[in-house]
Amino acid sequence: QVQLVESGGGLVQAGGSLRLSCAASGPSFSSYAMRWFRQGPGKEREFVASISGNSGLTYYADSVKGRFTISRDNAKNEVYLQMNSLKPEDTAVYYCAANRVSAKPNWGGNDYWGQGTQVTVSS
């Protein structure tokens, strides 16, 4: 039902900023909870941030709290991840995921997934 395409990744120096976008296809985007995950080299996929589809409630991983901000524009069917004060440990492929159930970080149901966008932070 939903296809997701991430964009906005790139190479930045530590302390820099990037804004990731995730464009969703199909109707009823506002009803979907949207979550960002990332997978760094040699690491397992981890939750980054999320925003609910019904109230705009947001969640953040402790590692990014205060540096990253998630937002959405339902008119454009897009969700964003503003990343500031980037660190080398933020280097990863970033994925967006959508579901119609929950924005909670540990929700374990089935998501729709994008293909990911690479973020590389150099020291």
C-alpha atoms as a PDB file:
ATOM      1  CA  GLN A   1       0.000   0.000   0.000  1.00  0.00           C
ATOM      2  CA  VAL A   2       2.860   2.366   0.812  1.00  0.00           C
ATOM      3  CA  GLN A   3       6.188   3.006  -0.864  1.00  0.00           C
ATOM      4  CA  LEU A   4       8.840   5.092   0.864  1.00  0.00           C
ATOM      5  CA  VAL A   5      11.856   6.883  -0.604  1.00  0.00           C
ATOM      6  CA  GLU A   6      14.534   8.470   1.569  1.00  0.00           C
ATOM      7  CA  SER A   7      16.753  11.315   0.435  1.00  0.00           C
ATOM      8  CA  GLY A   8      19.062  13.973   1.829  1.00  0.00           C
ATOM      9  CA  GLY A   9      21.971  11.884   3.005  1.00  0.00           C
ATOM     10  CA  GLY A  10      25.560  12.782   2.298  1.00  0.00           C
ATOM     11  CA  LEU A  11      29.011  13.426   3.683  1.00  0.00           C
ATOM     12  CA  VAL A  12      29.463  16.054   6.391  1.00  0.00           C
ATOM     13  CA  GLN A  13      32.077  16.923   8.963  1.00  0.00           C
ATOM     14  CA  ALA A  14      31.488  16.459  12.658  1.00  0.00           C
ATOM     15  CA  GLY A  15      29.369  19.272  14.026  1.00  0.00           C
ATOM     16  CA  GLY A  16      27.536  19.743  10.754  1.00  0.00           C
ATOM     17  CA  SER A  17      23.893  19.268   9.868  1.00  0.00           C
ATOM     18  CA  LEU A  18      21.775  17.303   7.427  1.00  0.00           C
ATOM     19  CA  ARG A  19      18.057  17.129   6.773  1.00  0.00           C
ATOM     20  CA  LEU A  20      16.692  13.785   5.659  1.00  0.00           C
ATOM     21  CA  SER A  21      13.380  13.419   3.865  1.00  0.00           C
ATOM     22  CA  CYS A  22      11.122  10.438   3.395  1.00  0.00           C
ATOM     23  CA  ALA A  23       8.475  10.667   0.698  1.00  0.00           C
ATOM     24  CA  ALA A  24       5.506   8.333   0.947  1.00  0.00           C
ATOM     25  CA  SER A  25       3.172   7.241  -1.807  1.00  0.00           C
ATOM     26  CA  GLY A  26      -0.525   6.581  -1.545  1.00  0.00           C
ATOM     27  CA  PRO A  27      -3.379   8.068   0.438  1.00  0.00           C
ATOM     28  CA  SER A  28      -3.998   8.312   4.168  1.00  0.00           C
ATOM     29  CA  PHE A  29      -0.450   9.374   5.007  1.00  0.00           C
ATOM     30  CA  SER A  30      -1.669  11.287   8.047  1.00  0.00           C
ATOM     31  CA  SER A  31      -2.887   8.045   9.606  1.00  0.00           C
ATOM     32  CA  TYR A  32       0.570   6.443   9.527  1.00  0.00           C
ATOM     33  CA  ALA A  33       3.060   6.519  12.324  1.00  0.00           C
ATOM     34  CA  MET A  34       6.492   7.227  10.889  1.00  0.00           C
ATOM     35  CA  ARG A  35       9.780   6.040  12.359  1.00  0.00           C
ATOM     36  CA  TRP A  36      13.417   6.563  11.457  1.00  0.00           C
ATOM     37  CA  PHE A  37      15.955   3.797  12.004  1.00  0.00           C
ATOM     38  CA  ARG A  38      19.630   3.556  11.186  1.00  0.00           C
ATOM     39  CA  GLN A  39      22.222   0.864  10.742  1.00  0.00           C
ATOM     40  CA  GLY A  40      25.885   1.726  11.117  1.00  0.00           C
ATOM     41  CA  PRO A  41      28.816  -0.351   9.913  1.00  0.00           C
ATOM     42  CA  GLY A  42      29.079  -3.518  11.968  1.00  0.00           C
ATOM     43  CA  LYS A  43      26.006  -2.630  13.987  1.00  0.00           C
ATOM     44  CA  GLU A  44      22.437  -3.796  14.260  1.00  0.00           C
ATOM     45  CA  ARG A  45      19.581  -1.605  13.127  1.00  0.00           C
ATOM     46  CA  GLU A  46      18.515   0.835  15.832  1.00  0.00           C
ATOM     47  CA  PHE A  47      15.620   3.179  16.421  1.00  0.00           C
ATOM     48  CA  VAL A  48      16.318   6.893  15.959  1.00  0.00           C
ATOM     49  CA  ALA A  49      13.091   8.902  16.118  1.00  0.00           C
ATOM     50  CA  SER A  50       9.383   8.644  15.401  1.00  0.00           C
ATOM     51  CA  ILE A  51       6.227  10.683  15.101  1.00  0.00           C
ATOM     52  CA  SER A  52       2.660   9.503  15.502  1.00  0.00           C
ATOM     53  CA  GLY A  53      -0.017   9.805  12.869  1.00  0.00           C
ATOM     54  CA  ASN A  54      -2.829  10.853  15.159  1.00  0.00           C
ATOM     55  CA  SER A  55      -1.357  13.414  17.545  1.00  0.00           C
ATOM     56  CA  GLY A  56       2.139  14.312  16.371  1.00  0.00           C
ATOM     57  CA  LEU A  57       3.650  12.779  19.483  1.00  0.00           C
ATOM     58  CA  THR A  58       7.394  12.235  19.042  1.00  0.00           C
ATOM     59  CA  TYR A  59       9.949   9.797  20.424  1.00  0.00           C
ATOM     60  CA  TYR A  60      13.736   9.935  20.291  1.00  0.00           C
ATOM     61  CA  ALA A  61      16.576   7.619  21.062  1.00  0.00           C
ATOM     62  CA  ASP A  62      18.696   8.891  23.941  1.00  0.00           C
ATOM     63  CA  SER A  63      21.713   9.062  21.660  1.00  0.00           C
ATOM     64  CA  VAL A  64      20.098  11.702  19.429  1.00  0.00           C
ATOM     65  CA  LYS A  65      17.866  13.576  21.853  1.00  0.00           C
ATOM     66  CA  GLY A  66      18.537  17.295  21.698  1.00  0.00           C
ATOM     67  CA  ARG A  67      20.331  17.000  18.359  1.00  0.00           C
ATOM     68  CA  PHE A  68      17.755  15.481  15.996  1.00  0.00           C
ATOM     69  CA  THR A  69      14.204  16.637  15.306  1.00  0.00           C
ATOM     70  CA  ILE A  70      11.519  14.652  13.518  1.00  0.00           C
ATOM     71  CA  SER A  71       8.619  16.375  11.777  1.00  0.00           C
ATOM     72  CA  ARG A  72       6.061  15.694   9.081  1.00  0.00           C
ATOM     73  CA  ASP A  73       4.127  17.525   6.399  1.00  0.00           C
ATOM     74  CA  ASN A  74       0.963  15.574   5.710  1.00  0.00           C
ATOM     75  CA  ALA A  75       0.033  17.753   2.736  1.00  0.00           C
ATOM     76  CA  LYS A  76       3.259  16.629   1.051  1.00  0.00           C
ATOM     77  CA  ASN A  77       3.224  13.046   2.338  1.00  0.00           C
ATOM     78  CA  GLU A  78       6.694  13.567   3.776  1.00  0.00           C
ATOM     79  CA  VAL A  79       8.485  13.052   7.043  1.00  0.00           C
ATOM     80  CA  TYR A  80      11.777  14.734   7.906  1.00  0.00           C
ATOM     81  CA  LEU A  81      14.703  14.210  10.200  1.00  0.00           C
ATOM     82  CA  GLN A  82      16.704  17.333  10.966  1.00  0.00           C
ATOM     83  CA  MET A  83      20.107  16.252  12.246  1.00  0.00           C
ATOM     84  CA  ASN A  84      22.329  18.807  13.960  1.00  0.00           C
ATOM     85  CA  SER A  85      25.644  18.558  15.781  1.00  0.00           C
ATOM     86  CA  LEU A  86      26.447  15.383  13.906  1.00  0.00           C
ATOM     87  CA  LYS A  87      29.015  12.990  15.304  1.00  0.00           C
ATOM     88  CA  PRO A  88      31.058  10.279  13.584  1.00  0.00           C
ATOM     89  CA  GLU A  89      29.004   7.681  15.438  1.00  0.00           C
ATOM     90  CA  ASP A  90      25.930   8.937  13.566  1.00  0.00           C
ATOM     91  CA  THR A  91      27.388   7.428  10.401  1.00  0.00           C
ATOM     92  CA  ALA A  92      24.859   4.912   9.123  1.00  0.00           C
ATOM     93  CA  VAL A  93      22.292   4.105   6.505  1.00  0.00           C
ATOM     94  CA  TYR A  94      19.086   5.803   7.592  1.00  0.00           C
ATOM     95  CA  TYR A  95      15.741   4.179   6.855  1.00  0.00           C
ATOM     96  CA  CYS A  96      12.197   5.423   7.262  1.00  0.00           C
ATOM     97  CA  ALA A  97       9.393   3.079   8.172  1.00  0.00           C
ATOM     98  CA  ALA A  98       5.611   3.434   8.259  1.00  0.00           C
ATOM     99  CA  ASN A  99       2.820   1.646  10.025  1.00  0.00           C
ATOM    100  CA  ARG A 100      -0.765   2.358  10.980  1.00  0.00           C
ATOM    101  CA  VAL A 101      -0.486   1.120  14.542  1.00  0.00           C
ATOM    102  CA  SER A 102       2.179   2.771  16.696  1.00  0.00           C
ATOM    103  CA  ALA A 103       5.047   5.252  16.754  1.00  0.00           C
ATOM    104  CA  LYS A 104       6.546   3.699  19.864  1.00  0.00           C
ATOM    105  CA  PRO A 105      10.240   2.863  19.505  1.00  0.00           C
ATOM    106  CA  ASN A 106       9.816  -0.794  20.417  1.00  0.00           C
ATOM    107  CA  TRP A 107       6.689  -1.582  18.408  1.00  0.00           C
ATOM    108  CA  GLY A 108       7.374  -4.933  16.808  1.00  0.00           C
ATOM    109  CA  GLY A 109       4.798  -5.238  14.061  1.00  0.00           C
ATOM    110  CA  ASN A 110       5.268  -5.042  10.314  1.00  0.00           C
ATOM    111  CA  ASP A 111       6.379  -1.762   8.777  1.00  0.00           C
ATOM    112  CA  TYR A 112       6.699  -0.545   5.253  1.00  0.00           C
ATOM    113  CA  TRP A 113      10.364   0.315   4.641  1.00  0.00           C
ATOM    114  CA  GLY A 114      12.312   2.602   2.373  1.00  0.00           C
ATOM    115  CA  GLN A 115      15.620   1.692   0.753  1.00  0.00           C
ATOM    116  CA  GLY A 116      17.704   3.970   2.940  1.00  0.00           C
ATOM    117  CA  THR A 117      20.014   6.933   2.519  1.00  0.00           C
ATOM    118  CA  GLN A 118      23.672   7.022   3.534  1.00  0.00           C
ATOM    119  CA  VAL A 119      24.887   9.512   6.123  1.00  0.00           C
ATOM    120  CA  THR A 120      28.629   9.750   6.668  1.00  0.00           C
ATOM    121  CA  VAL A 121      30.124  12.013   9.325  1.00  0.00           C
ATOM    122  CA  SER A 122      33.861  12.593   9.249  1.00  0.00           C
ATOM    123  CA  SER A 123      36.011  13.778  12.134  1.00  0.00           C
END
